[in-house]
Amino acid sequence: TGQFPIAKEGWGLTTDGASIIMSD
């Protein structure tokens, strides 16, 4: 349904229920 930019490298994702949390 869509896409989004990643400024650096994309590694891992999770969520705390309020936000998406990303590692690079």
PDB file of all heavy atoms in Angstrom:
ATOM      1  N   THR A   1       0.801  -1.223   0.000  1.00  0.00           N
ATOM      2  CA  THR A   1       0.000   0.000   0.000  1.00  0.00           C
ATOM      3  C   THR A   1       0.834   1.273   0.000  1.00  0.00           C
ATOM      4  O   THR A   1       0.292   2.363  -0.174  1.00  0.00           O
ATOM      5  CB  THR A   1      -0.935   0.033   1.222  1.00  0.00           C
ATOM      6  OG1 THR A   1      -0.143  -0.013   2.427  1.00  0.00           O
ATOM      7  CG2 THR A   1      -1.896  -1.143   1.205  1.00  0.00           C
ATOM      8  N   GLY A   2       2.148   1.157   0.215  1.00  0.00           N
ATOM      9  CA  GLY A   2       2.980   2.350   0.242  1.00  0.00           C
ATOM     10  C   GLY A   2       4.427   2.027   0.515  1.00  0.00           C
ATOM     11  O   GLY A   2       4.818   0.861   0.620  1.00  0.00           O
ATOM     12  N   GLN A   3       5.213   3.063   0.626  1.00  0.00           N
ATOM     13  CA  GLN A   3       6.629   2.919   0.957  1.00  0.00           C
ATOM     14  C   GLN A   3       7.100   4.168   1.682  1.00  0.00           C
ATOM     15  O   GLN A   3       6.393   5.182   1.734  1.00  0.00           O
ATOM     16  CB  GLN A   3       7.463   2.666  -0.294  1.00  0.00           C
ATOM     17  CG  GLN A   3       7.383   3.730  -1.358  1.00  0.00           C
ATOM     18  CD  GLN A   3       8.052   3.295  -2.644  1.00  0.00           C
ATOM     19  OE1 GLN A   3       7.803   2.199  -3.164  1.00  0.00           O
ATOM     20  NE2 GLN A   3       8.913   4.158  -3.175  1.00  0.00           N
ATOM     21  N   PHE A   4       8.303   4.104   2.257  1.00  0.00           N
ATOM     22  CA  PHE A   4       8.821   5.232   3.034  1.00  0.00           C
ATOM     23  C   PHE A   4      10.345   5.250   2.919  1.00  0.00           C
ATOM     24  O   PHE A   4      10.976   4.215   2.662  1.00  0.00           O
ATOM     25  CB  PHE A   4       8.390   5.112   4.505  1.00  0.00           C
ATOM     26  CG  PHE A   4       8.758   3.804   5.162  1.00  0.00           C
ATOM     27  CD1 PHE A   4       9.971   3.649   5.822  1.00  0.00           C
ATOM     28  CD2 PHE A   4       7.890   2.729   5.118  1.00  0.00           C
ATOM     29  CE1 PHE A   4      10.306   2.456   6.421  1.00  0.00           C
ATOM     30  CE2 PHE A   4       8.214   1.512   5.716  1.00  0.00           C
ATOM     31  CZ  PHE A   4       9.424   1.381   6.372  1.00  0.00           C
ATOM     32  N   PRO A   5      10.951   6.426   3.112  1.00  0.00           N
ATOM     33  CA  PRO A   5      12.409   6.522   3.005  1.00  0.00           C
ATOM     34  C   PRO A   5      13.106   6.078   4.288  1.00  0.00           C
ATOM     35  O   PRO A   5      12.560   6.213   5.385  1.00  0.00           O
ATOM     36  CB  PRO A   5      12.641   8.013   2.757  1.00  0.00           C
ATOM     37  CG  PRO A   5      11.497   8.675   3.464  1.00  0.00           C
ATOM     38  CD  PRO A   5      10.328   7.740   3.296  1.00  0.00           C
ATOM     39  N   ILE A   6      14.312   5.531   4.146  1.00  0.00           N
ATOM     40  CA  ILE A   6      15.166   5.170   5.286  1.00  0.00           C
ATOM     41  C   ILE A   6      16.466   5.947   5.122  1.00  0.00           C
ATOM     42  O   ILE A   6      17.172   5.776   4.124  1.00  0.00           O
ATOM     43  CB  ILE A   6      15.454   3.658   5.330  1.00  0.00           C
ATOM     44  CG1 ILE A   6      14.144   2.866   5.413  1.00  0.00           C
ATOM     45  CG2 ILE A   6      16.345   3.320   6.512  1.00  0.00           C
ATOM     46  CD1 ILE A   6      14.329   1.372   5.295  1.00  0.00           C
ATOM     47  N   ALA A   7      16.769   6.798   6.102  1.00  0.00           N
ATOM     48  CA  ALA A   7      17.926   7.690   5.973  1.00  0.00           C
ATOM     49  C   ALA A   7      19.244   6.924   5.969  1.00  0.00           C
ATOM     50  O   ALA A   7      20.151   7.241   5.196  1.00  0.00           O
ATOM     51  CB  ALA A   7      17.917   8.722   7.096  1.00  0.00           C
ATOM     52  N   LYS A   8      19.364   5.922   6.836  1.00  0.00           N
ATOM     53  CA  LYS A   8      20.610   5.159   6.937  1.00  0.00           C
ATOM     54  C   LYS A   8      20.350   3.739   6.428  1.00  0.00           C
ATOM     55  O   LYS A   8      19.730   3.539   5.404  1.00  0.00           O
ATOM     56  CB  LYS A   8      21.119   5.170   8.367  1.00  0.00           C
ATOM     57  CG  LYS A   8      21.515   6.561   8.876  1.00  0.00           C
ATOM     58  CD  LYS A   8      22.087   6.497  10.282  1.00  0.00           C
ATOM     59  CE  LYS A   8      22.502   7.875  10.761  1.00  0.00           C
ATOM     60  NZ  LYS A   8      23.052   7.843  12.151  1.00  0.00           N
ATOM     61  N   GLU A   9      20.837   2.753   7.159  1.00  0.00           N
ATOM     62  CA  GLU A   9      20.566   1.364   6.814  1.00  0.00           C
ATOM     63  C   GLU A   9      19.370   0.874   7.623  1.00  0.00           C
ATOM     64  O   GLU A   9      19.143   1.313   8.750  1.00  0.00           O
ATOM     65  CB  GLU A   9      21.788   0.485   7.096  1.00  0.00           C
ATOM     66  CG  GLU A   9      22.986   0.806   6.221  1.00  0.00           C
ATOM     67  CD  GLU A   9      24.187  -0.082   6.534  1.00  0.00           C
ATOM     68  OE1 GLU A   9      24.115  -0.865   7.513  1.00  0.00           O
ATOM     69  OE2 GLU A   9      25.184   0.010   5.801  1.00  0.00           O
ATOM     70  N   GLY A  10      18.620  -0.062   7.070  1.00  0.00           N
ATOM     71  CA  GLY A  10      17.525  -0.683   7.795  1.00  0.00           C
ATOM     72  C   GLY A  10      17.957  -2.019   8.368  1.00  0.00           C
ATOM     73  O   GLY A  10      18.467  -2.866   7.633  1.00  0.00           O
ATOM     74  N   TRP A  11      17.748  -2.227   9.669  1.00  0.00           N
ATOM     75  CA  TRP A  11      18.131  -3.487  10.304  1.00  0.00           C
ATOM     76  C   TRP A  11      16.919  -4.153  10.973  1.00  0.00           C
ATOM     77  O   TRP A  11      16.315  -5.031  10.399  1.00  0.00           O
ATOM     78  CB  TRP A  11      19.264  -3.250  11.313  1.00  0.00           C
ATOM     79  CG  TRP A  11      20.600  -2.976  10.678  1.00  0.00           C
ATOM     80  CD1 TRP A  11      20.866  -2.137   9.631  1.00  0.00           C
ATOM     81  CD2 TRP A  11      21.854  -3.555  11.035  1.00  0.00           C
ATOM     82  NE1 TRP A  11      22.203  -2.140   9.330  1.00  0.00           N
ATOM     83  CE2 TRP A  11      22.846  -2.993  10.170  1.00  0.00           C
ATOM     84  CE3 TRP A  11      22.261  -4.461  11.997  1.00  0.00           C
ATOM     85  CZ2 TRP A  11      24.197  -3.347  10.251  1.00  0.00           C
ATOM     86  CZ3 TRP A  11      23.622  -4.804  12.083  1.00  0.00           C
ATOM     87  CH2 TRP A  11      24.561  -4.256  11.215  1.00  0.00           C
ATOM     88  N   GLY A  12      16.547  -3.714  12.184  1.00  0.00           N
ATOM     89  CA  GLY A  12      15.468  -4.379  12.902  1.00  0.00           C
ATOM     90  C   GLY A  12      14.311  -3.455  13.218  1.00  0.00           C
ATOM     91  O   GLY A  12      14.462  -2.228  13.260  1.00  0.00           O
ATOM     92  N   LEU A  13      13.132  -4.061  13.462  1.00  0.00           N
ATOM     93  CA  LEU A  13      11.932  -3.320  13.825  1.00  0.00           C
ATOM     94  C   LEU A  13      11.210  -4.013  14.974  1.00  0.00           C
ATOM     95  O   LEU A  13      11.210  -5.242  15.075  1.00  0.00           O
ATOM     96  CB  LEU A  13      10.960  -3.235  12.651  1.00  0.00           C
ATOM     97  CG  LEU A  13      11.278  -2.299  11.485  1.00  0.00           C
ATOM     98  CD1 LEU A  13      10.206  -2.451  10.404  1.00  0.00           C
ATOM     99  CD2 LEU A  13      11.364  -0.847  11.938  1.00  0.00           C
ATOM    100  N   THR A  14      10.571  -3.210  15.828  1.00  0.00           N
ATOM    101  CA  THR A  14       9.615  -3.700  16.811  1.00  0.00           C
ATOM    102  C   THR A  14       8.696  -2.541  17.163  1.00  0.00           C
ATOM    103  O   THR A  14       8.810  -1.450  16.601  1.00  0.00           O
ATOM    104  CB  THR A  14      10.309  -4.284  18.060  1.00  0.00           C
ATOM    105  OG1 THR A  14       9.349  -4.996  18.865  1.00  0.00           O
ATOM    106  CG2 THR A  14      10.948  -3.201  18.912  1.00  0.00           C
ATOM    107  N   THR A  15       7.786  -2.765  18.111  1.00  0.00           N
ATOM    108  CA  THR A  15       6.904  -1.690  18.551  1.00  0.00           C
ATOM    109  C   THR A  15       6.613  -1.831  20.036  1.00  0.00           C
ATOM    110  O   THR A  15       6.532  -2.950  20.559  1.00  0.00           O
ATOM    111  CB  THR A  15       5.585  -1.681  17.759  1.00  0.00           C
ATOM    112  OG1 THR A  15       4.739  -0.634  18.243  1.00  0.00           O
ATOM    113  CG2 THR A  15       4.848  -3.004  17.889  1.00  0.00           C
ATOM    114  N   ASP A  16       6.455  -0.687  20.697  1.00  0.00           N
ATOM    115  CA  ASP A  16       6.027  -0.669  22.094  1.00  0.00           C
ATOM    116  C   ASP A  16       4.533  -0.413  22.195  1.00  0.00           C
ATOM    117  O   ASP A  16       3.999  -0.208  23.283  1.00  0.00           O
ATOM    118  CB  ASP A  16       6.808   0.382  22.888  1.00  0.00           C
ATOM    119  CG  ASP A  16       6.617   1.798  22.344  1.00  0.00           C
ATOM    120  OD1 ASP A  16       5.849   1.985  21.373  1.00  0.00           O
ATOM    121  OD2 ASP A  16       7.253   2.731  22.886  1.00  0.00           O
ATOM    122  N   GLY A  17       3.846  -0.428  21.060  1.00  0.00           N
ATOM    123  CA  GLY A  17       2.417  -0.179  21.019  1.00  0.00           C
ATOM    124  C   GLY A  17       2.062   1.253  20.683  1.00  0.00           C
ATOM    125  O   GLY A  17       0.950   1.534  20.232  1.00  0.00           O
ATOM    126  N   ALA A  18       3.013   2.166  20.891  1.00  0.00           N
ATOM    127  CA  ALA A  18       2.782   3.579  20.589  1.00  0.00           C
ATOM    128  C   ALA A  18       3.608   4.045  19.407  1.00  0.00           C
ATOM    129  O   ALA A  18       3.175   4.881  18.619  1.00  0.00           O
ATOM    130  CB  ALA A  18       3.100   4.438  21.814  1.00  0.00           C
ATOM    131  N   SER A  19       4.819   3.514  19.287  1.00  0.00           N
ATOM    132  CA  SER A  19       5.736   3.895  18.216  1.00  0.00           C
ATOM    133  C   SER A  19       6.343   2.660  17.587  1.00  0.00           C
ATOM    134  O   SER A  19       6.380   1.582  18.191  1.00  0.00           O
ATOM    135  CB  SER A  19       6.872   4.777  18.752  1.00  0.00           C
ATOM    136  OG  SER A  19       6.393   5.962  19.337  1.00  0.00           O
ATOM    137  N   ILE A  20       6.845   2.819  16.381  1.00  0.00           N
ATOM    138  CA  ILE A  20       7.699   1.816  15.762  1.00  0.00           C
ATOM    139  C   ILE A  20       9.125   2.115  16.207  1.00  0.00           C
ATOM    140  O   ILE A  20       9.547   3.277  16.244  1.00  0.00           O
ATOM    141  CB  ILE A  20       7.587   1.867  14.225  1.00  0.00           C
ATOM    142  CG1 ILE A  20       6.182   1.439  13.789  1.00  0.00           C
ATOM    143  CG2 ILE A  20       8.637   0.981  13.572  1.00  0.00           C
ATOM    144  CD1 ILE A  20       5.919   1.598  12.312  1.00  0.00           C
ATOM    145  N   ILE A  21       9.864   1.083  16.575  1.00  0.00           N
ATOM    146  CA  ILE A  21      11.247   1.245  17.028  1.00  0.00           C
ATOM    147  C   ILE A  21      12.150   0.561  16.013  1.00  0.00           C
ATOM    148  O   ILE A  21      11.926  -0.598  15.657  1.00  0.00           O
ATOM    149  CB  ILE A  21      11.450   0.650  18.433  1.00  0.00           C
ATOM    150  CG1 ILE A  21      10.434   1.262  19.415  1.00  0.00           C
ATOM    151  CG2 ILE A  21      12.877   0.886  18.919  1.00  0.00           C
ATOM    152  CD1 ILE A  21      10.407   0.580  20.771  1.00  0.00           C
ATOM    153  N   MET A  22      13.173   1.276  15.546  1.00  0.00           N
ATOM    154  CA  MET A  22      14.026   0.785  14.464  1.00  0.00           C
ATOM    155  C   MET A  22      15.498   0.816  14.864  1.00  0.00           C
ATOM    156  O   MET A  22      15.970   1.758  15.501  1.00  0.00           O
ATOM    157  CB  MET A  22      13.818   1.651  13.218  1.00  0.00           C
ATOM    158  CG  MET A  22      14.657   1.230  12.020  1.00  0.00           C
ATOM    159  SD  MET A  22      14.337   2.239  10.535  1.00  0.00           S
ATOM    160  CE  MET A  22      15.109   3.786  11.010  1.00  0.00           C
ATOM    161  N   SER A  23      16.231  -0.211  14.456  1.00  0.00           N
ATOM    162  CA  SER A  23      17.689  -0.229  14.616  1.00  0.00           C
ATOM    163  C   SER A  23      18.340  -0.061  13.251  1.00  0.00           C
ATOM    164  O   SER A  23      17.750  -0.391  12.221  1.00  0.00           O
ATOM    165  CB  SER A  23      18.157  -1.541  15.259  1.00  0.00           C
ATOM    166  OG  SER A  23      17.897  -2.641  14.401  1.00  0.00           O
ATOM    167  N   ASP A  24      19.573   0.444  13.261  1.00  0.00           N
ATOM    168  CA  ASP A  24      20.304   0.629  12.002  1.00  0.00           C
ATOM    169  C   ASP A  24      21.737   0.130  12.091  1.00  0.00           C
ATOM    170  O   ASP A  24      22.596   0.513  11.305  1.00  0.00           O
ATOM    171  CB  ASP A  24      20.278   2.090  11.564  1.00  0.00           C
ATOM    172  CG  ASP A  24      20.842   3.047  12.617  1.00  0.00           C
ATOM    173  OD1 ASP A  24      21.542   2.574  13.545  1.00  0.00           O
ATOM    174  OD2 ASP A  24      20.587   4.260  12.516  1.00  0.00           O
TER     175      ASP A  24
END
